[in-house]
């Protein structure tokens, strides 16, 4: 089963949901590790999106470089 590629906005929204659950205390200790792991994966995906976008913008601004 392949994972659906999330957009930056979707990934950040999921991270925000996880953080909200952590802050509210609405998470069992058993869910904690899985949630932190998922948030870490999502943050990594967001970083990739930002890096890709930065490179694309740089190419548009400086096409001869």
PDB file of N, CA and C in Angstrom:
ATOM      1  N   UNK A   1       0.835  -1.172   0.000  1.00  0.00           N
ATOM      2  CA  UNK A   1       0.000   0.000   0.000  1.00  0.00           C
ATOM      3  C   UNK A   1       0.883   1.239   0.000  1.00  0.00           C
ATOM      4  N   UNK A   2       0.730   2.130  -0.970  1.00  0.00           N
ATOM      5  CA  UNK A   2       1.557   3.325  -1.025  1.00  0.00           C
ATOM      6  C   UNK A   2       0.881   4.459  -0.264  1.00  0.00           C
ATOM      7  N   UNK A   3       1.712   5.283   0.348  1.00  0.00           N
ATOM      8  CA  UNK A   3       1.200   6.419   1.100  1.00  0.00           C
ATOM      9  C   UNK A   3       0.906   7.563   0.143  1.00  0.00           C
ATOM     10  N   UNK A   4      -0.186   8.274   0.412  1.00  0.00           N
ATOM     11  CA  UNK A   4      -0.522   9.452  -0.367  1.00  0.00           C
ATOM     12  C   UNK A   4       0.461  10.559  -0.007  1.00  0.00           C
ATOM     13  N   UNK A   5       1.013  11.208  -1.018  1.00  0.00           N
ATOM     14  CA  UNK A   5       1.941  12.319  -0.778  1.00  0.00           C
ATOM     15  C   UNK A   5       1.129  13.525  -0.325  1.00  0.00           C
ATOM     16  N   UNK A   6       1.468  14.017   0.851  1.00  0.00           N
ATOM     17  CA  UNK A   6       0.757  15.157   1.403  1.00  0.00           C
ATOM     18  C   UNK A   6       1.351  16.465   0.909  1.00  0.00           C
ATOM     19  N   UNK A   7       0.501  17.453   0.759  1.00  0.00           N
ATOM     20  CA  UNK A   7       0.991  18.791   0.454  1.00  0.00           C
ATOM     21  C   UNK A   7       1.586  19.373   1.734  1.00  0.00           C
ATOM     22  N   UNK A   8       2.306  20.461   1.582  1.00  0.00           N
ATOM     23  CA  UNK A   8       2.888  21.144   2.745  1.00  0.00           C
ATOM     24  C   UNK A   8       1.777  21.531   3.722  1.00  0.00           C
ATOM     25  N   UNK A   9       0.701  22.082   3.200  1.00  0.00           N
ATOM     26  CA  UNK A   9      -0.408  22.532   4.037  1.00  0.00           C
ATOM     27  C   UNK A   9      -1.048  21.371   4.792  1.00  0.00           C
ATOM     28  N   UNK A  10      -1.238  20.248   4.114  1.00  0.00           N
ATOM     29  CA  UNK A  10      -1.820  19.072   4.763  1.00  0.00           C
ATOM     30  C   UNK A  10      -0.904  18.531   5.864  1.00  0.00           C
ATOM     31  N   UNK A  11       0.383  18.474   5.565  1.00  0.00           N
ATOM     32  CA  UNK A  11       1.342  17.967   6.545  1.00  0.00           C
ATOM     33  C   UNK A  11       1.388  18.867   7.773  1.00  0.00           C
ATOM     34  N   UNK A  12       1.428  20.179   7.555  1.00  0.00           N
ATOM     35  CA  UNK A  12       1.470  21.105   8.686  1.00  0.00           C
ATOM     36  C   UNK A  12       0.190  21.037   9.510  1.00  0.00           C
ATOM     37  N   UNK A  13      -0.937  20.864   8.852  1.00  0.00           N
ATOM     38  CA  UNK A  13      -2.206  20.751   9.576  1.00  0.00           C
ATOM     39  C   UNK A  13      -2.190  19.520  10.481  1.00  0.00           C
ATOM     40  N   UNK A  14      -1.628  18.417   9.978  1.00  0.00           N
ATOM     41  CA  UNK A  14      -1.551  17.204  10.789  1.00  0.00           C
ATOM     42  C   UNK A  14      -0.595  17.386  11.968  1.00  0.00           C
ATOM     43  N   UNK A  15       0.520  18.059  11.734  1.00  0.00           N
ATOM     44  CA  UNK A  15       1.456  18.350  12.826  1.00  0.00           C
ATOM     45  C   UNK A  15       0.751  19.194  13.888  1.00  0.00           C
ATOM     46  N   UNK A  16       0.011  20.197  13.453  1.00  0.00           N
ATOM     47  CA  UNK A  16      -0.706  21.065  14.388  1.00  0.00           C
ATOM     48  C   UNK A  16      -1.735  20.282  15.204  1.00  0.00           C
ATOM     49  N   UNK A  17      -2.393  19.313  14.577  1.00  0.00           N
ATOM     50  CA  UNK A  17      -3.348  18.466  15.304  1.00  0.00           C
ATOM     51  C   UNK A  17      -2.638  17.641  16.370  1.00  0.00           C
ATOM     52  N   UNK A  18      -1.499  17.088  16.014  1.00  0.00           N
ATOM     53  CA  UNK A  18      -0.726  16.286  16.967  1.00  0.00           C
ATOM     54  C   UNK A  18      -0.275  17.148  18.142  1.00  0.00           C
ATOM     55  N   UNK A  19       0.231  18.334  17.837  1.00  0.00           N
ATOM     56  CA  UNK A  19       0.686  19.243  18.895  1.00  0.00           C
ATOM     57  C   UNK A  19      -0.481  19.630  19.801  1.00  0.00           C
ATOM     58  N   UNK A  20      -1.625  19.899  19.228  1.00  0.00           N
ATOM     59  CA  UNK A  20      -2.806  20.263  20.027  1.00  0.00           C
ATOM     60  C   UNK A  20      -3.196  19.122  20.973  1.00  0.00           C
ATOM     61  N   UNK A  21      -3.143  17.898  20.475  1.00  0.00           N
ATOM     62  CA  UNK A  21      -3.463  16.743  21.329  1.00  0.00           C
ATOM     63  C   UNK A  21      -2.438  16.589  22.445  1.00  0.00           C
ATOM     64  N   UNK A  22      -1.159  16.810  22.123  1.00  0.00           N
ATOM     65  CA  UNK A  22      -0.124  16.743  23.149  1.00  0.00           C
ATOM     66  C   UNK A  22      -0.360  17.789  24.230  1.00  0.00           C
ATOM     67  N   UNK A  23      -0.646  19.001  23.818  1.00  0.00           N
ATOM     68  CA  UNK A  23      -0.860  20.103  24.767  1.00  0.00           C
ATOM     69  C   UNK A  23      -2.100  19.909  25.621  1.00  0.00           C
ATOM     70  N   UNK A  24      -3.135  19.326  25.032  1.00  0.00           N
ATOM     71  CA  UNK A  24      -4.391  19.152  25.763  1.00  0.00           C
ATOM     72  C   UNK A  24      -4.347  17.982  26.733  1.00  0.00           C
ATOM     73  N   UNK A  25      -3.329  17.147  26.581  1.00  0.00           N
ATOM     74  CA  UNK A  25      -3.254  15.957  27.427  1.00  0.00           C
ATOM     75  C   UNK A  25      -4.191  14.857  26.960  1.00  0.00           C
ATOM     76  N   UNK A  26      -4.741  15.013  25.754  1.00  0.00           N
ATOM     77  CA  UNK A  26      -5.689  14.050  25.194  1.00  0.00           C
ATOM     78  C   UNK A  26      -4.958  12.964  24.409  1.00  0.00           C
ATOM     79  N   UNK A  27      -3.938  12.382  25.058  1.00  0.00           N
ATOM     80  CA  UNK A  27      -3.160  11.345  24.399  1.00  0.00           C
ATOM     81  C   UNK A  27      -2.642  10.392  25.467  1.00  0.00           C
ATOM     82  N   UNK A  28      -2.815   9.130  25.194  1.00  0.00           N
ATOM     83  CA  UNK A  28      -2.303   8.147  26.147  1.00  0.00           C
ATOM     84  C   UNK A  28      -0.801   7.993  25.952  1.00  0.00           C
ATOM     85  N   UNK A  29      -0.159   7.458  26.936  1.00  0.00           N
ATOM     86  CA  UNK A  29       1.285   7.232  26.857  1.00  0.00           C
ATOM     87  C   UNK A  29       1.609   6.276  25.709  1.00  0.00           C
ATOM     88  N   UNK A  30       0.686   5.359  25.432  1.00  0.00           N
ATOM     89  CA  UNK A  30       0.888   4.416  24.332  1.00  0.00           C
ATOM     90  C   UNK A  30       0.848   5.105  22.971  1.00  0.00           C
ATOM     91  N   UNK A  31       0.090   6.172  22.871  1.00  0.00           N
ATOM     92  CA  UNK A  31      -0.003   6.912  21.610  1.00  0.00           C
ATOM     93  C   UNK A  31       1.148   7.896  21.428  1.00  0.00           C
ATOM     94  N   UNK A  32       1.806   8.242  22.509  1.00  0.00           N
ATOM     95  CA  UNK A  32       2.833   9.269  22.484  1.00  0.00           C
ATOM     96  C   UNK A  32       3.957   8.967  21.501  1.00  0.00           C
ATOM     97  N   UNK A  33       4.554   7.793  21.583  1.00  0.00           N
ATOM     98  CA  UNK A  33       5.678   7.455  20.706  1.00  0.00           C
ATOM     99  C   UNK A  33       5.265   7.488  19.239  1.00  0.00           C
ATOM    100  N   UNK A  34       4.138   6.884  18.924  1.00  0.00           N
ATOM    101  CA  UNK A  34       3.675   6.866  17.533  1.00  0.00           C
ATOM    102  C   UNK A  34       3.376   8.276  17.036  1.00  0.00           C
ATOM    103  N   UNK A  35       2.809   9.105  17.888  1.00  0.00           N
ATOM    104  CA  UNK A  35       2.477  10.475  17.493  1.00  0.00           C
ATOM    105  C   UNK A  35       3.725  11.309  17.270  1.00  0.00           C
ATOM    106  N   UNK A  36       4.702  11.175  18.141  1.00  0.00           N
ATOM    107  CA  UNK A  36       5.950  11.918  17.974  1.00  0.00           C
ATOM    108  C   UNK A  36       6.669  11.441  16.716  1.00  0.00           C
ATOM    109  N   UNK A  37       6.666  10.137  16.465  1.00  0.00           N
ATOM    110  CA  UNK A  37       7.282   9.596  15.251  1.00  0.00           C
ATOM    111  C   UNK A  37       6.598  10.172  14.009  1.00  0.00           C
ATOM    112  N   UNK A  38       5.280  10.185  14.010  1.00  0.00           N
ATOM    113  CA  UNK A  38       4.519  10.707  12.870  1.00  0.00           C
ATOM    114  C   UNK A  38       4.811  12.196  12.671  1.00  0.00           C
ATOM    115  N   UNK A  39       4.830  12.954  13.751  1.00  0.00           N
ATOM    116  CA  UNK A  39       5.119  14.389  13.646  1.00  0.00           C
ATOM    117  C   UNK A  39       6.517  14.613  13.071  1.00  0.00           C
ATOM    118  N   UNK A  40       7.478  13.806  13.488  1.00  0.00           N
ATOM    119  CA  UNK A  40       8.844  13.919  12.976  1.00  0.00           C
ATOM    120  C   UNK A  40       8.881  13.643  11.473  1.00  0.00           C
ATOM    121  N   UNK A  41       8.153  12.622  11.025  1.00  0.00           N
ATOM    122  CA  UNK A  41       8.083  12.312   9.592  1.00  0.00           C
ATOM    123  C   UNK A  41       7.456  13.475   8.820  1.00  0.00           C
ATOM    124  N   UNK A  42       6.387  14.016   9.361  1.00  0.00           N
ATOM    125  CA  UNK A  42       5.693  15.119   8.696  1.00  0.00           C
ATOM    126  C   UNK A  42       6.574  16.364   8.608  1.00  0.00           C
ATOM    127  N   UNK A  43       7.297  16.659   9.670  1.00  0.00           N
ATOM    128  CA  UNK A  43       8.204  17.809   9.667  1.00  0.00           C
ATOM    129  C   UNK A  43       9.298  17.608   8.621  1.00  0.00           C
ATOM    130  N   UNK A  44       9.793  16.390   8.492  1.00  0.00           N
ATOM    131  CA  UNK A  44      10.775  16.087   7.451  1.00  0.00           C
ATOM    132  C   UNK A  44      10.215  16.334   6.061  1.00  0.00           C
ATOM    133  N   UNK A  45       8.971  15.941   5.841  1.00  0.00           N
ATOM    134  CA  UNK A  45       8.325  16.179   4.550  1.00  0.00           C
ATOM    135  C   UNK A  45       8.169  17.673   4.293  1.00  0.00           C
ATOM    136  N   UNK A  46       7.814  18.415   5.337  1.00  0.00           N
ATOM    137  CA  UNK A  46       7.679  19.866   5.185  1.00  0.00           C
ATOM    138  C   UNK A  46       9.013  20.496   4.816  1.00  0.00           C
ATOM    139  N   UNK A  47      10.077  20.036   5.437  1.00  0.00           N
ATOM    140  CA  UNK A  47      11.407  20.554   5.104  1.00  0.00           C
ATOM    141  C   UNK A  47      11.754  20.284   3.643  1.00  0.00           C
ATOM    142  N   UNK A  48      11.403  19.086   3.158  1.00  0.00           N
ATOM    143  CA  UNK A  48      11.654  18.762   1.747  1.00  0.00           C
ATOM    144  C   UNK A  48      10.883  19.708   0.832  1.00  0.00           C
ATOM    145  N   UNK A  49       9.610  19.945   1.176  1.00  0.00           N
ATOM    146  CA  UNK A  49       8.794  20.872   0.378  1.00  0.00           C
ATOM    147  C   UNK A  49       9.442  22.251   0.345  1.00  0.00           C
ATOM    148  N   UNK A  50       9.883  22.732   1.498  1.00  0.00           N
ATOM    149  CA  UNK A  50      10.480  24.062   1.570  1.00  0.00           C
ATOM    150  C   UNK A  50      11.773  24.141   0.776  1.00  0.00           C
ATOM    151  N   UNK A  51      12.599  23.100   0.872  1.00  0.00           N
ATOM    152  CA  UNK A  51      13.865  23.074   0.136  1.00  0.00           C
ATOM    153  C   UNK A  51      13.614  23.082  -1.370  1.00  0.00           C
ATOM    154  N   UNK A  52      12.677  22.269  -1.813  1.00  0.00           N
ATOM    155  CA  UNK A  52      12.321  22.205  -3.233  1.00  0.00           C
ATOM    156  C   UNK A  52      11.784  23.546  -3.720  1.00  0.00           C
ATOM    157  N   UNK A  53      10.903  24.139  -2.935  1.00  0.00           N
ATOM    158  CA  UNK A  53      10.319  25.419  -3.313  1.00  0.00           C
ATOM    159  C   UNK A  53      11.382  26.503  -3.369  1.00  0.00           C
ATOM    160  N   UNK A  54      12.277  26.504  -2.397  1.00  0.00           N
ATOM    161  CA  UNK A  54      13.354  27.484  -2.376  1.00  0.00           C
ATOM    162  C   UNK A  54      14.224  27.365  -3.633  1.00  0.00           C
ATOM    163  N   UNK A  55      14.553  26.143  -4.015  1.00  0.00           N
ATOM    164  CA  UNK A  55      15.374  25.924  -5.207  1.00  0.00           C
ATOM    165  C   UNK A  55      14.642  26.387  -6.466  1.00  0.00           C
ATOM    166  N   UNK A  56      13.348  26.111  -6.549  1.00  0.00           N
ATOM    167  CA  UNK A  56      12.571  26.522  -7.720  1.00  0.00           C
ATOM    168  C   UNK A  56      12.495  28.044  -7.814  1.00  0.00           C
ATOM    169  N   UNK A  57      12.266  28.695  -6.692  1.00  0.00           N
ATOM    170  CA  UNK A  57      12.197  30.156  -6.682  1.00  0.00           C
ATOM    171  C   UNK A  57      13.553  30.745  -7.063  1.00  0.00           C
ATOM    172  N   UNK A  58      14.611  30.176  -6.536  1.00  0.00           N
ATOM    173  CA  UNK A  58      15.960  30.655  -6.867  1.00  0.00           C
ATOM    174  C   UNK A  58      16.229  30.536  -8.369  1.00  0.00           C
ATOM    175  N   UNK A  59      15.804  29.427  -8.983  1.00  0.00           N
ATOM    176  CA  UNK A  59      15.987  29.250 -10.435  1.00  0.00           C
ATOM    177  C   UNK A  59      15.183  30.284 -11.217  1.00  0.00           C
ATOM    178  N   UNK A  60      13.997  30.612 -10.728  1.00  0.00           N
ATOM    179  CA  UNK A  60      13.173  31.616 -11.415  1.00  0.00           C
ATOM    180  C   UNK A  60      13.746  33.010 -11.296  1.00  0.00           C
ATOM    181  N   UNK A  61      14.292  33.306 -10.132  1.00  0.00           N
ATOM    182  CA  UNK A  61      14.865  34.646  -9.901  1.00  0.00           C
ATOM    183  C   UNK A  61      16.197  34.799 -10.625  1.00  0.00           C
ATOM    184  N   UNK A  62      17.003  33.757 -10.621  1.00  0.00           N
ATOM    185  CA  UNK A  62      18.333  33.792 -11.232  1.00  0.00           C
ATOM    186  C   UNK A  62      18.476  32.658 -12.259  1.00  0.00           C
ATOM    187  N   UNK A  63      17.824  32.796 -13.410  1.00  0.00           N
ATOM    188  CA  UNK A  63      17.854  31.699 -14.387  1.00  0.00           C
ATOM    189  C   UNK A  63      19.237  31.412 -14.965  1.00  0.00           C
ATOM    190  N   UNK A  64      20.142  32.394 -14.960  1.00  0.00           N
ATOM    191  CA  UNK A  64      21.470  32.143 -15.527  1.00  0.00           C
ATOM    192  C   UNK A  64      22.409  31.479 -14.540  1.00  0.00           C
ATOM    193  N   UNK A  65      22.054  31.436 -13.305  1.00  0.00           N
ATOM    194  CA  UNK A  65      22.959  30.869 -12.278  1.00  0.00           C
ATOM    195  C   UNK A  65      23.029  29.368 -12.340  1.00  0.00           C
TER     196      UNK A  65
END
